[in-house]
C-alpha atoms as a PDB file:
ATOM      1  CA  MET A   1      35.222 -24.577 -13.180  1.00  0.00           C
ATOM      2  CA  SER A   2      34.402 -26.525 -15.987  1.00  0.00           C
ATOM      3  CA  HIS A   3      33.234 -24.983 -19.690  1.00  0.00           C
ATOM      4  CA  ALA A   4      29.916 -26.671 -19.341  1.00  0.00           C
ATOM      5  CA  THR A   5      29.673 -25.352 -15.871  1.00  0.00           C
ATOM      6  CA  HIS A   6      30.402 -21.952 -17.122  1.00  0.00           C
ATOM      7  CA  GLN A   7      28.102 -22.030 -20.067  1.00  0.00           C
ATOM      8  CA  ASN A   8      24.981 -22.803 -18.044  1.00  0.00           C
ATOM      9  CA  GLN A   9      26.241 -20.197 -15.836  1.00  0.00           C
ATOM     10  CA  LYS A  10      26.350 -17.660 -18.415  1.00  0.00           C
ATOM     11  CA  HIS A  11      22.437 -19.086 -19.903  1.00  0.00           C
ATOM     12  CA  LYS A  12      21.398 -18.545 -16.362  1.00  0.00           C
ATOM     13  CA  ARG A  13      22.857 -14.791 -16.333  1.00  0.00           C
ATOM     14  CA  TRP A  14      21.421 -14.418 -20.106  1.00  0.00           C
ATOM     15  CA  ILE A  15      17.998 -16.019 -18.497  1.00  0.00           C
ATOM     16  CA  TYR A  16      18.004 -13.149 -15.364  1.00  0.00           C
ATOM     17  CA  PHE A  17      18.666 -10.364 -17.718  1.00  0.00           C
ATOM     18  CA  LEU A  18      15.747 -10.989 -20.421  1.00  0.00           C
ATOM     19  CA  LEU A  19      13.786 -11.239 -16.716  1.00  0.00           C
ATOM     20  CA  VAL A  20      14.653  -8.003 -15.448  1.00  0.00           C
ATOM     21  CA  SER A  21      14.505  -6.376 -18.778  1.00  0.00           C
ATOM     22  CA  ALA A  22      11.223  -7.511 -19.475  1.00  0.00           C
ATOM     23  CA  THR A  23       9.732  -5.802 -16.019  1.00  0.00           C
ATOM     24  CA  VAL A  24      11.369  -1.954 -17.323  1.00  0.00           C
ATOM     25  CA  ALA A  25       9.854  -3.136 -20.317  1.00  0.00           C
ATOM     26  CA  ILE A  26       6.253  -3.569 -19.172  1.00  0.00           C
ATOM     27  CA  ALA A  27       6.786  -0.231 -16.583  1.00  0.00           C
ATOM     28  CA  PHE A  28       7.920   1.402 -20.363  1.00  0.00           C
ATOM     29  CA  TYR A  29       4.786   0.656 -21.758  1.00  0.00           C
ATOM     30  CA  LEU A  30       2.435   2.039 -18.858  1.00  0.00           C
ATOM     31  CA  PHE A  31       4.310   4.757 -19.205  1.00  0.00           C
ATOM     32  CA  TRP A  32       3.264   5.258 -22.722  1.00  0.00           C
ATOM     33  CA  LEU A  33      -0.129   4.426 -21.777  1.00  0.00           C
ATOM     34  CA  ALA A  34       0.042   7.101 -19.327  1.00  0.00           C
ATOM     35  CA  ASP A  35      -3.967   7.934 -18.697  1.00  0.00           C
ATOM     36  CA  LEU A  36      -4.181   4.499 -17.421  1.00  0.00           C
ATOM     37  CA  LYS A  37      -8.137   4.881 -16.642  1.00  0.00           C
ATOM     38  CA  ASN A  38      -8.522   5.529 -19.998  1.00  0.00           C
ATOM     39  CA  HIS A  39      -6.519   2.216 -21.317  1.00  0.00           C
ATOM     40  CA  VAL A  40      -8.291  -0.170 -19.095  1.00  0.00           C
ATOM     41  CA  ALA A  41      -7.862  -3.550 -21.000  1.00  0.00           C
ATOM     42  CA  GLU A  42      -4.251  -2.718 -21.539  1.00  0.00           C
ATOM     43  CA  PHE A  43      -3.319  -1.328 -18.321  1.00  0.00           C
ATOM     44  CA  LEU A  44      -4.557  -4.855 -16.761  1.00  0.00           C
ATOM     45  CA  LEU A  45      -2.972  -7.328 -19.576  1.00  0.00           C
ATOM     46  CA  ALA A  46       0.409  -5.080 -19.029  1.00  0.00           C
ATOM     47  CA  TYR A  47      -0.034  -5.531 -15.323  1.00  0.00           C
ATOM     48  CA  SER A  48      -1.052  -8.900 -15.591  1.00  0.00           C
ATOM     49  CA  LEU A  49       1.792  -9.673 -17.583  1.00  0.00           C
ATOM     50  CA  LEU A  50       3.972  -8.065 -14.984  1.00  0.00           C
ATOM     51  CA  PHE A  51       3.745 -10.574 -12.311  1.00  0.00           C
ATOM     52  CA  CYS A  52       3.918 -13.560 -14.289  1.00  0.00           C
ATOM     53  CA  VAL A  53       7.581 -12.650 -14.993  1.00  0.00           C
ATOM     54  CA  TYR A  54       8.167 -11.104 -11.753  1.00  0.00           C
ATOM     55  CA  SER A  55       7.027 -14.672 -10.720  1.00  0.00           C
ATOM     56  CA  LEU A  56       9.138 -16.113 -13.259  1.00  0.00           C
ATOM     57  CA  LEU A  57      11.746 -13.855 -11.551  1.00  0.00           C
ATOM     58  CA  THR A  58      11.424 -15.175  -8.182  1.00  0.00           C
ATOM     59  CA  VAL A  59      11.129 -18.590  -8.820  1.00  0.00           C
ATOM     60  CA  PHE A  60      14.691 -18.036 -11.007  1.00  0.00           C
ATOM     61  CA  ILE A  61      17.289 -16.149  -8.290  1.00  0.00           C
ATOM     62  CA  LEU A  62      15.685 -18.847  -5.489  1.00  0.00           C
ATOM     63  CA  THR A  63      16.758 -21.324  -7.761  1.00  0.00           C
ATOM     64  CA  SER A  64      19.637 -20.494 -10.105  1.00  0.00           C
ATOM     65  CA  HIS A  65      22.388 -20.546  -7.056  1.00  0.00           C
ATOM     66  CA  LEU A  66      23.444 -17.615  -9.200  1.00  0.00           C
ATOM     67  CA  LYS A  67      25.611 -15.560  -7.241  1.00  0.00           C
ATOM     68  CA  PHE A  68      23.666 -11.587  -7.151  1.00  0.00           C
ATOM     69  CA  SER A  69      26.632  -9.587  -6.297  1.00  0.00           C
ATOM     70  CA  GLY A  70      28.559  -7.216  -9.024  1.00  0.00           C
ATOM     71  CA  LYS A  71      26.931  -6.754 -12.675  1.00  0.00           C
ATOM     72  CA  LEU A  72      24.430  -8.650 -11.333  1.00  0.00           C
ATOM     73  CA  PHE A  73      22.992  -7.197  -8.448  1.00  0.00           C
ATOM     74  CA  LEU A  74      23.287  -3.578  -9.843  1.00  0.00           C
ATOM     75  CA  PHE A  75      21.762  -4.464 -13.045  1.00  0.00           C
ATOM     76  CA  GLY A  76      18.121  -5.211 -10.963  1.00  0.00           C
ATOM     77  CA  VAL A  77      19.112  -1.979  -8.515  1.00  0.00           C
ATOM     78  CA  ALA A  78      19.336  -0.012 -11.478  1.00  0.00           C
ATOM     79  CA  ALA A  79      15.806  -1.522 -13.173  1.00  0.00           C
ATOM     80  CA  PHE A  80      14.077  -0.818 -10.408  1.00  0.00           C
ATOM     81  CA  GLY A  81      15.154   2.344 -10.234  1.00  0.00           C
ATOM     82  CA  LEU A  82      14.421   3.157 -13.616  1.00  0.00           C
ATOM     83  CA  SER A  83      10.996   1.579 -13.219  1.00  0.00           C
ATOM     84  CA  ALA A  84      10.060   3.306 -10.674  1.00  0.00           C
ATOM     85  CA  GLY A  85      11.004   6.460 -11.702  1.00  0.00           C
ATOM     86  CA  LEU A  86       8.969   5.832 -14.843  1.00  0.00           C
ATOM     87  CA  PHE A  87       6.274   5.314 -12.189  1.00  0.00           C
ATOM     88  CA  LEU A  88       6.728   8.462  -9.838  1.00  0.00           C
ATOM     89  CA  LEU A  89       6.540  10.858 -13.721  1.00  0.00           C
ATOM     90  CA  MET A  90       2.616   8.963 -14.356  1.00  0.00           C
ATOM     91  CA  GLN A  91       0.080  11.209 -13.123  1.00  0.00           C
ATOM     92  CA  PRO A  92      -2.283   8.895 -11.477  1.00  0.00           C
ATOM     93  CA  THR A  93      -5.652   7.881 -12.730  1.00  0.00           C
ATOM     94  CA  ILE A  94      -6.492   4.493 -11.590  1.00  0.00           C
ATOM     95  CA  SER A  95      -6.409   5.586  -7.917  1.00  0.00           C
ATOM     96  CA  LYS A  96      -6.622   9.465  -7.228  1.00  0.00           C
ATOM     97  CA  ASP A  97      -5.693   8.645  -3.328  1.00  0.00           C
ATOM     98  CA  LEU A  98      -3.147  10.904  -3.956  1.00  0.00           C
ATOM     99  CA  TYR A  99      -5.346  13.781  -4.557  1.00  0.00           C
ATOM    100  CA  ARG A 100      -7.787  13.194  -1.370  1.00  0.00           C
ATOM    101  CA  TYR A 101      -4.268  13.640   1.063  1.00  0.00           C
ATOM    102  CA  ILE A 102      -3.226  16.607  -0.919  1.00  0.00           C
ATOM    103  CA  TRP A 103      -7.065  17.547  -0.334  1.00  0.00           C
ATOM    104  CA  ASP A 104      -6.604  16.626   3.676  1.00  0.00           C
ATOM    105  CA  GLY A 105      -3.659  18.669   4.042  1.00  0.00           C
ATOM    106  CA  MET A 106      -4.622  21.598   2.305  1.00  0.00           C
ATOM    107  CA  LEU A 107      -7.452  21.493   4.985  1.00  0.00           C
ATOM    108  CA  VAL A 108      -5.236  20.892   7.235  1.00  0.00           C
ATOM    109  CA  SER A 109      -2.760  23.538   6.221  1.00  0.00           C
ATOM    110  CA  HIS A 110      -5.433  26.151   6.879  1.00  0.00           C
ATOM    111  CA  ALA A 111      -6.698  25.273  10.048  1.00  0.00           C
ATOM    112  CA  VAL A 112     -10.100  23.385   8.762  1.00  0.00           C
ATOM    113  CA  ASN A 113     -11.007  20.007  10.133  1.00  0.00           C
ATOM    114  CA  PRO A 114     -10.967  17.560   7.356  1.00  0.00           C
ATOM    115  CA  TYR A 115     -12.782  15.182   9.628  1.00  0.00           C
ATOM    116  CA  LEU A 116     -15.467  17.413   9.746  1.00  0.00           C
ATOM    117  CA  TYR A 117     -16.414  17.927   6.517  1.00  0.00           C
ATOM    118  CA  LEU A 118     -16.980  16.368   2.873  1.00  0.00           C
ATOM    119  CA  PRO A 119     -15.198  17.770  -0.076  1.00  0.00           C
ATOM    120  CA  GLN A 120     -18.542  18.989  -1.332  1.00  0.00           C
ATOM    121  CA  ASP A 121     -19.636  20.804   1.710  1.00  0.00           C
ATOM    122  CA  ILE A 122     -20.646  23.987   1.118  1.00  0.00           C
ATOM    123  CA  HIS A 123     -18.451  25.753   3.932  1.00  0.00           C
ATOM    124  CA  LEU A 124     -15.525  25.029   1.543  1.00  0.00           C
ATOM    125  CA  ARG A 125     -16.518  26.423  -1.350  1.00  0.00           C
ATOM    126  CA  GLU A 126     -13.490  28.894  -0.947  1.00  0.00           C
ATOM    127  CA  PHE A 127     -11.563  25.245  -1.783  1.00  0.00           C
ATOM    128  CA  GLN A 128     -13.320  24.177  -4.263  1.00  0.00           C
ATOM    129  CA  GLN A 129     -12.770  26.767  -6.267  1.00  0.00           C
ATOM    130  CA  THR A 130      -9.559  24.987  -7.089  1.00  0.00           C
ATOM    131  CA  HIS A 131      -8.339  22.365  -9.420  1.00  0.00           C
ATOM    132  CA  LEU A 132      -7.805  20.220  -7.269  1.00  0.00           C
ATOM    133  CA  TYR A 133     -11.155  19.870  -6.291  1.00  0.00           C
ATOM    134  CA  GLN A 134     -11.861  18.432  -9.629  1.00  0.00           C
ATOM    135  CA  LEU A 135      -9.612  15.825  -9.087  1.00  0.00           C
ATOM    136  CA  VAL A 136     -10.701  14.485  -6.146  1.00  0.00           C
ATOM    137  CA  ASP A 137     -13.069  11.350  -5.713  1.00  0.00           C
ATOM    138  CA  LEU A 138     -15.655  10.411  -3.091  1.00  0.00           C
ATOM    139  CA  LYS A 139     -16.662  14.013  -2.381  1.00  0.00           C
ATOM    140  CA  ASN A 140     -19.612  12.851  -0.717  1.00  0.00           C
ATOM    141  CA  LYS A 141     -17.413  10.596   1.612  1.00  0.00           C
ATOM    142  CA  TYR A 142     -15.636  11.829   5.244  1.00  0.00           C
ATOM    143  CA  THR A 143     -12.226  11.501   5.231  1.00  0.00           C
ATOM    144  CA  LEU A 144     -11.059   8.159   6.940  1.00  0.00           C
ATOM    145  CA  TYR A 145      -6.813   9.012   7.545  1.00  0.00           C
ATOM    146  CA  PRO A 146      -6.003   9.184  11.081  1.00  0.00           C
ATOM    147  CA  PRO A 147      -4.629  11.890  12.656  1.00  0.00           C
ATOM    148  CA  ILE A 148      -0.364  11.088  11.906  1.00  0.00           C
ATOM    149  CA  ALA A 149      -1.359  10.857   8.136  1.00  0.00           C
ATOM    150  CA  GLN A 150      -3.353  14.045   8.037  1.00  0.00           C
ATOM    151  CA  TYR A 151       0.294  15.424   9.026  1.00  0.00           C
ATOM    152  CA  ILE A 152       1.976  13.591   6.255  1.00  0.00           C
ATOM    153  CA  PHE A 153      -0.953  15.180   3.948  1.00  0.00           C
ATOM    154  CA  ALA A 154       0.148  18.690   4.680  1.00  0.00           C
ATOM    155  CA  LEU A 155       3.703  18.463   4.062  1.00  0.00           C
ATOM    156  CA  VAL A 156       2.052  16.410   0.685  1.00  0.00           C
ATOM    157  CA  TRP A 157       0.112  19.715   0.115  1.00  0.00           C
ATOM    158  CA  LEU A 158       3.178  22.067   0.591  1.00  0.00           C
ATOM    159  CA  LEU A 159       4.937  19.999  -2.049  1.00  0.00           C
ATOM    160  CA  TYR A 160       2.530  19.703  -4.189  1.00  0.00           C
ATOM    161  CA  ASN A 161       2.165  23.766  -4.491  1.00  0.00           C
ATOM    162  CA  PHE A 162       5.840  24.056  -5.500  1.00  0.00           C
ATOM    163  CA  PHE A 163       6.305  21.033  -7.318  1.00  0.00           C
ATOM    164  CA  GLY A 164       2.839  19.782  -8.701  1.00  0.00           C
ATOM    165  CA  VAL A 165       2.306  15.803  -8.874  1.00  0.00           C
ATOM    166  CA  ILE A 166       6.023  14.041  -8.816  1.00  0.00           C
ATOM    167  CA  GLY A 167       6.421  16.632  -5.355  1.00  0.00           C
ATOM    168  CA  GLY A 168       3.706  14.868  -3.880  1.00  0.00           C
ATOM    169  CA  LYS A 169       4.639  11.588  -4.050  1.00  0.00           C
ATOM    170  CA  GLY A 170       8.081  12.814  -3.034  1.00  0.00           C
ATOM    171  CA  LEU A 171       7.248  12.382   0.265  1.00  0.00           C
ATOM    172  CA  MET A 172       4.686   9.329  -0.226  1.00  0.00           C
ATOM    173  CA  ILE A 173       7.933   7.011  -1.704  1.00  0.00           C
ATOM    174  CA  LEU A 174      10.709   8.407   0.855  1.00  0.00           C
ATOM    175  CA  PRO A 175       9.877   5.459   3.346  1.00  0.00           C
ATOM    176  CA  VAL A 176       9.826   3.080   1.017  1.00  0.00           C
ATOM    177  CA  LEU A 177      13.156   4.534  -0.051  1.00  0.00           C
ATOM    178  CA  LEU A 178      14.476   4.112   3.448  1.00  0.00           C
ATOM    179  CA  LEU A 179      12.771   0.250   3.967  1.00  0.00           C
ATOM    180  CA  ALA A 180      14.718  -0.382   0.878  1.00  0.00           C
ATOM    181  CA  LEU A 181      18.179   0.927   2.738  1.00  0.00           C
ATOM    182  CA  ILE A 182      17.235  -0.853   6.204  1.00  0.00           C
ATOM    183  CA  MET A 183      16.333  -4.093   3.962  1.00  0.00           C
ATOM    184  CA  HIS A 184      19.443  -3.981   2.065  1.00  0.00           C
ATOM    185  CA  LYS A 185      21.219  -4.278   5.345  1.00  0.00           C
ATOM    186  CA  LEU A 186      19.207  -7.353   6.851  1.00  0.00           C
ATOM    187  CA  LEU A 187      18.434  -8.950   3.409  1.00  0.00           C
ATOM    188  CA  PRO A 188      20.511 -11.608   1.407  1.00  0.00           C
ATOM    189  CA  ARG A 189      20.744  -9.388  -2.040  1.00  0.00           C
ATOM    190  CA  GLU A 190      18.811 -12.820  -3.510  1.00  0.00           C
ATOM    191  CA  LEU A 191      15.934 -11.649  -1.400  1.00  0.00           C
ATOM    192  CA  PHE A 192      15.886  -7.874  -1.729  1.00  0.00           C
ATOM    193  CA  LEU A 193      16.181  -7.953  -5.409  1.00  0.00           C
ATOM    194  CA  ILE A 194      13.172 -10.219  -5.032  1.00  0.00           C
ATOM    195  CA  LEU A 195      11.720  -7.495  -3.057  1.00  0.00           C
ATOM    196  CA  ILE A 196      12.716  -4.482  -5.292  1.00  0.00           C
ATOM    197  CA  LEU A 197      11.071  -5.461  -8.338  1.00  0.00           C
ATOM    198  CA  ASN A 198       7.785  -6.838  -6.972  1.00  0.00           C
ATOM    199  CA  PRO A 199       5.280  -5.333  -8.922  1.00  0.00           C
ATOM    200  CA  LEU A 200       3.028  -4.238  -6.032  1.00  0.00           C
ATOM    201  CA  PHE A 201       5.899  -2.312  -4.165  1.00  0.00           C
ATOM    202  CA  LEU A 202       7.041  -0.209  -7.500  1.00  0.00           C
ATOM    203  CA  PHE A 203       3.593   0.723  -8.524  1.00  0.00           C
ATOM    204  CA  GLU A 204       1.121   1.470  -5.671  1.00  0.00           C
ATOM    205  CA  THR A 205       3.973   3.245  -4.291  1.00  0.00           C
ATOM    206  CA  PHE A 206       5.577   5.171  -7.187  1.00  0.00           C
ATOM    207  CA  TYR A 207       2.426   5.277  -9.164  1.00  0.00           C
ATOM    208  CA  SER A 208      -0.528   5.562  -6.939  1.00  0.00           C
ATOM    209  CA  ALA A 209       1.873   6.925  -3.852  1.00  0.00           C
ATOM    210  CA  HIS A 210      -0.113   5.446  -0.956  1.00  0.00           C
ATOM    211  CA  VAL A 211       0.087   6.393   2.656  1.00  0.00           C
ATOM    212  CA  ASP A 212       0.410   2.358   3.599  1.00  0.00           C
ATOM    213  CA  ALA A 213       4.369   3.155   2.897  1.00  0.00           C
ATOM    214  CA  TRP A 214       4.320   6.060   5.996  1.00  0.00           C
ATOM    215  CA  ALA A 215       2.660   2.808   8.243  1.00  0.00           C
ATOM    216  CA  CYS A 216       4.844   0.115   6.410  1.00  0.00           C
ATOM    217  CA  PHE A 217       8.215   1.763   7.856  1.00  0.00           C
ATOM    218  CA  LEU A 218       6.494   2.506  10.980  1.00  0.00           C
ATOM    219  CA  VAL A 219       6.022  -0.924  11.789  1.00  0.00           C
ATOM    220  CA  VAL A 220       9.312  -2.183  10.470  1.00  0.00           C
ATOM    221  CA  LEU A 221      10.828   0.264  12.967  1.00  0.00           C
ATOM    222  CA  SER A 222       8.883  -0.782  15.011  1.00  0.00           C
ATOM    223  CA  ILE A 223       9.953  -4.680  14.879  1.00  0.00           C
ATOM    224  CA  LEU A 224      13.547  -3.808  14.818  1.00  0.00           C
ATOM    225  CA  TRP A 225      13.960  -1.250  17.768  1.00  0.00           C
ATOM    226  CA  TYR A 226      11.926  -4.293  19.721  1.00  0.00           C
ATOM    227  CA  ARG A 227      14.321  -6.644  18.623  1.00  0.00           C
ATOM    228  CA  LYS A 228      16.822  -4.608  20.003  1.00  0.00           C
ATOM    229  CA  GLY A 229      15.423  -4.184  23.255  1.00  0.00           C
ATOM    230  CA  TRP A 230      14.113  -0.628  22.651  1.00  0.00           C
ATOM    231  CA  VAL A 231      10.524  -1.298  24.071  1.00  0.00           C
ATOM    232  CA  PHE A 232       9.460   2.330  24.778  1.00  0.00           C
ATOM    233  CA  ALA A 233      10.466   3.398  20.620  1.00  0.00           C
ATOM    234  CA  SER A 234       9.267   0.701  19.282  1.00  0.00           C
ATOM    235  CA  ALA A 235       5.521   1.080  21.408  1.00  0.00           C
ATOM    236  CA  VAL A 236       6.002   4.589  19.660  1.00  0.00           C
ATOM    237  CA  ALA A 237       7.287   4.037  16.779  1.00  0.00           C
ATOM    238  CA  LEU A 238       3.543   1.147  16.469  1.00  0.00           C
ATOM    239  CA  GLY A 239       1.126   3.872  17.746  1.00  0.00           C
ATOM    240  CA  LEU A 240       2.361   6.582  14.945  1.00  0.00           C
ATOM    241  CA  GLY A 241       1.989   3.744  12.799  1.00  0.00           C
ATOM    242  CA  ALA A 242      -1.784   2.551  13.744  1.00  0.00           C
ATOM    243  CA  THR A 243      -2.641   6.446  13.622  1.00  0.00           C
ATOM    244  CA  THR A 244      -1.252   6.755  10.159  1.00  0.00           C
ATOM    245  CA  LYS A 245      -2.966   3.537   9.129  1.00  0.00           C
ATOM    246  CA  ILE A 246      -5.312   1.555  11.166  1.00  0.00           C
ATOM    247  CA  PHE A 247      -3.426  -1.711  10.069  1.00  0.00           C
ATOM    248  CA  PRO A 248      -0.371  -1.392  12.229  1.00  0.00           C
ATOM    249  CA  ILE A 249      -2.208  -1.721  15.373  1.00  0.00           C
ATOM    250  CA  PHE A 250      -2.918  -5.265  15.172  1.00  0.00           C
ATOM    251  CA  PHE A 251       0.969  -5.989  15.391  1.00  0.00           C
ATOM    252  CA  ALA A 252       0.222  -4.890  19.112  1.00  0.00           C
ATOM    253  CA  PRO A 253      -1.271  -8.305  20.284  1.00  0.00           C
ATOM    254  CA  LEU A 254       2.052 -10.147  18.753  1.00  0.00           C
ATOM    255  CA  PHE A 255       3.746  -7.660  21.077  1.00  0.00           C
ATOM    256  CA  LEU A 256       2.612  -8.118  23.982  1.00  0.00           C
ATOM    257  CA  VAL A 257       2.163 -11.769  23.700  1.00  0.00           C
ATOM    258  CA  ASN A 258       5.534 -12.799  23.672  1.00  0.00           C
ATOM    259  CA  LEU A 259       5.746  -9.630  26.400  1.00  0.00           C
ATOM    260  CA  ILE A 260       4.021 -11.746  28.648  1.00  0.00           C
ATOM    261  CA  ARG A 261       4.885 -15.251  27.779  1.00  0.00           C
ATOM    262  CA  ASN A 262       8.428 -14.036  29.053  1.00  0.00           C
ATOM    263  CA  LYS A 263       6.842 -12.841  32.120  1.00  0.00           C
ATOM    264  CA  LYS A 264       7.861  -8.962  31.378  1.00  0.00           C
ATOM    265  CA  TYR A 265       4.378  -7.681  32.324  1.00  0.00           C
ATOM    266  CA  THR A 266       4.830  -4.558  34.206  1.00  0.00           C
ATOM    267  CA  GLN A 267       6.849  -4.164  30.346  1.00  0.00           C
ATOM    268  CA  ALA A 268       3.740  -5.259  28.630  1.00  0.00           C
ATOM    269  CA  PHE A 269       1.496  -2.701  30.376  1.00  0.00           C
ATOM    270  CA  PHE A 270       3.776  -0.035  29.360  1.00  0.00           C
ATOM    271  CA  TYR A 271       4.134  -1.237  25.994  1.00  0.00           C
ATOM    272  CA  SER A 272       0.356  -0.938  25.062  1.00  0.00           C
ATOM    273  CA  THR A 273      -0.202   2.537  27.671  1.00  0.00           C
ATOM    274  CA  VAL A 274       2.322   3.806  24.904  1.00  0.00           C
ATOM    275  CA  ILE A 275       0.444   3.332  22.479  1.00  0.00           C
ATOM    276  CA  CYS A 276      -2.692   4.368  23.346  1.00  0.00           C
ATOM    277  CA  ASN A 277      -0.808   7.975  24.726  1.00  0.00           C
ATOM    278  CA  VAL A 278       0.729   8.243  21.090  1.00  0.00           C
ATOM    279  CA  THR A 279      -2.920   7.691  19.860  1.00  0.00           C
ATOM    280  CA  GLY A 280      -4.570  10.096  22.322  1.00  0.00           C
ATOM    281  CA  ILE A 281      -1.846  12.789  21.620  1.00  0.00           C
ATOM    282  CA  ALA A 282      -1.978  12.195  17.601  1.00  0.00           C
ATOM    283  CA  TYR A 283      -5.831  12.680  17.914  1.00  0.00           C
ATOM    284  CA  VAL A 284      -6.974  15.900  20.517  1.00  0.00           C
ATOM    285  CA  PRO A 285      -5.666  18.736  17.839  1.00  0.00           C
ATOM    286  CA  PHE A 286      -9.064  16.703  15.554  1.00  0.00           C
ATOM    287  CA  VAL A 287     -11.184  16.071  18.420  1.00  0.00           C
ATOM    288  CA  LYS A 288     -11.597  19.426  20.739  1.00  0.00           C
ATOM    289  CA  THR A 289     -14.888  20.555  19.188  1.00  0.00           C
ATOM    290  CA  SER A 290     -15.884  16.688  18.316  1.00  0.00           C
ATOM    291  CA  PHE A 291     -15.634  13.212  18.683  1.00  0.00           C
ATOM    292  CA  PHE A 292     -16.803  12.697  15.193  1.00  0.00           C
ATOM    293  CA  PRO A 293     -13.199  11.596  13.696  1.00  0.00           C
ATOM    294  CA  LEU A 294     -13.443   8.526  16.333  1.00  0.00           C
ATOM    295  CA  THR A 295     -16.854   7.969  16.116  1.00  0.00           C
ATOM    296  CA  HIS A 296     -17.140   7.782  12.397  1.00  0.00           C
ATOM    297  CA  TYR A 297     -15.036   4.678  12.176  1.00  0.00           C
ATOM    298  CA  ALA A 298     -17.960   2.721  13.348  1.00  0.00           C
ATOM    299  CA  SER A 299     -19.802   3.272  10.161  1.00  0.00           C
ATOM    300  CA  VAL A 300     -16.472   3.137   7.625  1.00  0.00           C
ATOM    301  CA  GLY A 301     -17.694  -0.441   6.712  1.00  0.00           C
ATOM    302  CA  ASN A 302     -21.204   0.325   5.876  1.00  0.00           C
ATOM    303  CA  GLU A 303     -19.551   3.726   3.604  1.00  0.00           C
ATOM    304  CA  PHE A 304     -16.934   1.868   1.683  1.00  0.00           C
ATOM    305  CA  GLU A 305     -15.920  -1.176  -0.363  1.00  0.00           C
ATOM    306  CA  PHE A 306     -12.255  -1.874  -0.284  1.00  0.00           C
ATOM    307  CA  ASN A 307     -10.197  -3.418  -3.103  1.00  0.00           C
ATOM    308  CA  ASP A 308     -13.674  -4.051  -4.431  1.00  0.00           C
ATOM    309  CA  THR A 309     -12.766  -5.287  -8.274  1.00  0.00           C
ATOM    310  CA  ILE A 310     -13.621  -9.224  -8.251  1.00  0.00           C
ATOM    311  CA  TYR A 311     -16.429  -8.145  -5.466  1.00  0.00           C
ATOM    312  CA  ARG A 312     -18.253  -6.217  -7.135  1.00  0.00           C
ATOM    313  CA  TYR A 313     -18.687  -8.819  -9.620  1.00  0.00           C
ATOM    314  CA  LEU A 314     -19.054 -10.943  -7.252  1.00  0.00           C
ATOM    315  CA  SER A 315     -22.353  -9.499  -5.150  1.00  0.00           C
ATOM    316  CA  TRP A 316     -23.536  -8.816  -9.066  1.00  0.00           C
ATOM    317  CA  PHE A 317     -23.132 -12.503  -9.891  1.00  0.00           C
ATOM    318  CA  TRP A 318     -23.448 -14.920  -6.581  1.00  0.00           C
ATOM    319  CA  PRO A 319     -26.486 -13.820  -5.904  1.00  0.00           C
ATOM    320  CA  LYS A 320     -28.231 -14.965  -9.278  1.00  0.00           C
ATOM    321  CA  LEU A 321     -25.838 -17.935  -8.980  1.00  0.00           C
ATOM    322  CA  SER A 322     -27.428 -19.172  -5.610  1.00  0.00           C
ATOM    323  CA  ILE A 323     -30.871 -19.298  -7.223  1.00  0.00           C
ATOM    324  CA  GLY A 324     -29.793 -21.293  -9.728  1.00  0.00           C
ATOM    325  CA  ILE A 325     -28.393 -23.271  -7.453  1.00  0.00           C
ATOM    326  CA  ALA A 326     -30.986 -23.213  -4.933  1.00  0.00           C
ATOM    327  CA  THR A 327     -33.484 -23.580  -8.322  1.00  0.00           C
ATOM    328  CA  VAL A 328     -31.611 -26.612  -9.843  1.00  0.00           C
ATOM    329  CA  PHE A 329     -31.353 -28.165  -6.178  1.00  0.00           C
ATOM    330  CA  LEU A 330     -34.464 -28.350  -5.256  1.00  0.00           C
ATOM    331  CA  GLY A 331     -35.871 -29.252  -9.067  1.00  0.00           C
ATOM    332  CA  ILE A 332     -33.518 -32.278  -8.796  1.00  0.00           C
ATOM    333  CA  LEU A 333     -34.450 -33.027  -4.886  1.00  0.00           C
ATOM    334  CA  ALA A 334     -38.420 -33.181  -6.641  1.00  0.00           C
ATOM    335  CA  LEU A 335     -36.968 -35.566  -8.992  1.00  0.00           C
ATOM    336  CA  VAL A 336     -36.014 -38.037  -6.593  1.00  0.00           C
ATOM    337  CA  VAL A 337     -38.687 -37.690  -4.164  1.00  0.00           C
ATOM    338  CA  SER A 338     -41.210 -38.197  -7.502  1.00  0.00           C
ATOM    339  CA  LEU A 339     -39.148 -41.249  -8.793  1.00  0.00           C
ATOM    340  CA  ARG A 340     -38.801 -42.956  -5.019  1.00  0.00           C
ATOM    341  CA  LYS A 341     -42.880 -42.840  -5.081  1.00  0.00           C
END
């Protein structure tokens, strides 16, 4: 290796260290802010900057032709661990979904069907005396989380009782750590670093502790087992994923189409049957007295606006903008007509 090439490689390594260090520095800043809900402007600025740094880091990793082994790889993994640890220690205030998880888990642990009662329901007065009730958002909304998620929440509530919020988060980040171990074996090191240093991967799991992590883990298991030819295990994993969060069910047609294209009609029927059975078995304990846990999903779209940060402003602005555009258009049309006359 020539001296010029060596210097070039050295400069590239320094750029990598700088970008990864910037990721950790921003994580430290967010940790220092603590209650992000009371520092929304600072949070949005830092979060946006985090994605800008990540974009530069991704492009750099893919184009630098560095060998991400040894110290480079360990530095990236250490940055992931440090950033994840900082987010784990923070109290989730931007998204309070975790507290709804714990609330549902508390009800399940006390043999109360969480689908049948609003948090503010008078029948839950005993539970409303707890500090947890004050932390729950959307007290006038029924839970929308499927059955397997409810069982996970029961364990989360148990850990929350012993270890507080960090204990509750612990079970929610477990699938992320398992997923990271799987991806480490399957992906090149460059892509693995891009995965684990993703701000969405870090923040939404270690800070917000969303249940989506469990659903994603089960989808990945389903795909891996399907590729190995373990059709039954794949179908069970996908069924469990769909009863943890709804979106995994949209992967089912992809598996079924692949089986049908390969003329494996019996396996396709078997695959869909297993998913239906897993779903049905998961719901049985919750529909003994009422089918509301199932029928409620028909009205969920009218009760919730998901990820509506941008939509909220567009829904306010667009009608006014539409009226303005229509007025200008009609004015121009009237002017054109009058000039033609």
